[in-house]
Amino acid sequence: MSQRVAGAMKRGAHAKAGKRKSIDANLLGPCGFFCGFCLAYKKGICLGCRYQADVRAAEGDLGWCSQLNCAERRGVTMCSECKEIPCKEFDPKIGMFSEMYVSYIRDKIKPA
């Protein structure tokens, strides 16, 4: 093993230096996407998947995210925990976002 490889393994080749930060688990959608990376979240247009679902439910819209609704019905936090994955709500060949969510983002993030 080269010294370079050994050194990288010792210090963690992909890990960034510094403190590990904890994240708000409510910003992690059942699909596995971290809302903190989303442009809508960064621009303050969306509160994040689970928070936005609560806001929408309070407004009477229970169809915010079909994947979130499915995960809640099945009693799992993440789609990856479900025994029936892949399914019609989460098909890795199609992508991880529900059609409704993609439409929402496209409507909210329009070029000025």
Protein backbone atom coordinates (compact mmCIF):
# COMPACT_ATOMS: atom_id res chain seq x y z
CA MET A 1 0.00 0.00 0.00
CA SER A 2 1.39 3.39 -0.92
CA GLN A 3 2.08 6.01 1.74
CA ARG A 4 -0.50 8.26 0.10
CA VAL A 5 -3.26 5.63 0.35
CA ALA A 6 -2.28 4.71 3.89
CA GLY A 7 -2.33 8.39 4.91
CA ALA A 8 -5.72 8.96 3.33
CA MET A 9 -7.19 5.94 5.09
CA LYS A 10 -5.76 7.07 8.41
CA ARG A 11 -7.26 10.56 8.29
CA GLY A 12 -10.41 9.75 6.31
CA ALA A 13 -10.12 10.47 2.61
CA HIS A 14 -13.62 11.84 2.20
CA ALA A 15 -14.28 13.27 5.63
CA LYS A 16 -14.00 17.02 6.05
CA ALA A 17 -12.00 18.38 8.94
CA GLY A 18 -13.86 19.98 11.79
CA LYS A 19 -16.77 19.22 14.04
CA ARG A 20 -19.56 16.95 12.96
CA LYS A 21 -22.79 18.84 12.70
CA SER A 22 -26.13 17.40 13.63
CA ILE A 23 -29.00 17.91 11.23
CA ASP A 24 -32.69 18.40 11.81
CA ALA A 25 -34.20 14.98 11.02
CA ASN A 26 -37.35 16.76 9.86
CA LEU A 27 -35.36 18.03 6.89
CA LEU A 28 -34.74 14.48 5.73
CA GLY A 29 -37.56 13.28 3.50
CA PRO A 30 -38.65 9.63 3.41
CA CYS A 31 -37.15 9.45 -0.08
CA GLY A 32 -33.71 10.10 1.43
CA PHE A 33 -33.28 13.64 0.11
CA PHE A 34 -31.93 16.21 2.58
CA CYS A 35 -34.02 19.37 2.22
CA GLY A 36 -31.05 21.49 3.31
CA PHE A 37 -29.62 20.96 -0.20
CA CYS A 38 -32.79 22.07 -1.99
CA LEU A 39 -32.89 25.48 -3.66
CA ALA A 40 -36.47 26.07 -2.47
CA TYR A 41 -35.39 25.50 1.14
CA LYS A 42 -32.28 27.65 0.77
CA LYS A 43 -34.36 30.51 -0.67
CA GLY A 44 -36.86 30.24 2.20
CA ILE A 45 -39.71 29.28 -0.13
CA CYS A 46 -40.19 25.82 1.41
CA LEU A 47 -39.79 24.84 5.06
CA GLY A 48 -38.57 21.34 4.27
CA CYS A 49 -40.46 18.17 3.45
CA ARG A 50 -41.95 17.22 6.80
CA TYR A 51 -42.52 20.78 8.03
CA GLN A 52 -44.12 21.76 4.73
CA ALA A 53 -46.38 18.70 4.97
CA ASP A 54 -47.61 19.90 8.38
CA VAL A 55 -48.32 23.39 7.00
CA ARG A 56 -50.16 21.95 4.03
CA ALA A 57 -52.18 19.56 6.24
CA ALA A 58 -53.22 22.50 8.45
CA GLU A 59 -54.46 24.20 5.26
CA GLY A 60 -56.46 21.08 4.37
CA ASP A 61 -54.07 19.77 1.70
CA LEU A 62 -53.30 16.18 2.67
CA GLY A 63 -51.69 15.28 -0.63
CA TRP A 64 -48.40 17.16 -0.20
CA CYS A 65 -46.08 14.20 -0.76
CA SER A 66 -47.30 10.76 -1.69
CA GLN A 67 -44.05 9.22 -0.45
CA LEU A 68 -44.37 10.86 2.97
CA ASN A 69 -48.00 9.80 3.23
CA CYS A 70 -47.11 6.24 2.24
CA ALA A 71 -44.24 6.06 4.76
CA GLU A 72 -46.53 7.29 7.54
CA ARG A 73 -49.24 4.75 6.59
CA ARG A 74 -46.68 1.95 6.69
CA GLY A 75 -45.11 3.14 9.96
CA VAL A 76 -41.62 3.75 8.54
CA THR A 77 -39.51 6.89 8.65
CA MET A 78 -37.64 6.26 5.41
CA CYS A 79 -38.72 4.48 2.23
CA SER A 80 -35.56 2.39 2.50
CA GLU A 81 -37.02 0.78 5.66
CA CYS A 82 -40.07 -0.52 3.78
CA LYS A 83 -40.24 -4.17 2.77
CA GLU A 84 -42.03 -3.29 -0.46
CA ILE A 85 -39.42 -0.97 -1.98
CA PRO A 86 -39.27 -0.39 -4.94
CA CYS A 87 -42.93 0.44 -5.39
CA LYS A 88 -45.19 2.80 -7.30
CA GLU A 89 -44.35 5.65 -4.90
CA PHE A 90 -40.59 5.10 -4.92
CA ASP A 91 -39.10 3.61 -8.05
CA PRO A 92 -35.33 4.18 -8.28
CA LYS A 93 -35.53 3.96 -12.08
CA ILE A 94 -37.88 6.96 -12.20
CA GLY A 95 -36.34 9.04 -9.44
CA MET A 96 -36.93 9.81 -5.81
CA PHE A 97 -39.24 12.80 -6.02
CA SER A 98 -42.97 12.64 -6.31
CA GLU A 99 -44.44 14.31 -9.39
CA MET A 100 -46.31 16.77 -7.17
CA TYR A 101 -43.11 17.87 -5.42
CA VAL A 102 -41.24 18.42 -8.68
CA SER A 103 -44.15 20.52 -9.97
CA TYR A 104 -44.15 22.53 -6.73
CA ILE A 105 -40.42 23.26 -6.98
CA ARG A 106 -40.71 24.21 -10.65
CA ASP A 107 -43.56 26.62 -9.85
CA LYS A 108 -41.78 28.20 -6.89
CA ILE A 109 -38.30 28.48 -8.38
CA LYS A 110 -38.80 30.31 -11.63
CA PRO A 111 -36.11 32.41 -13.26
CA ALA A 112 -36.77 36.06 -12.58
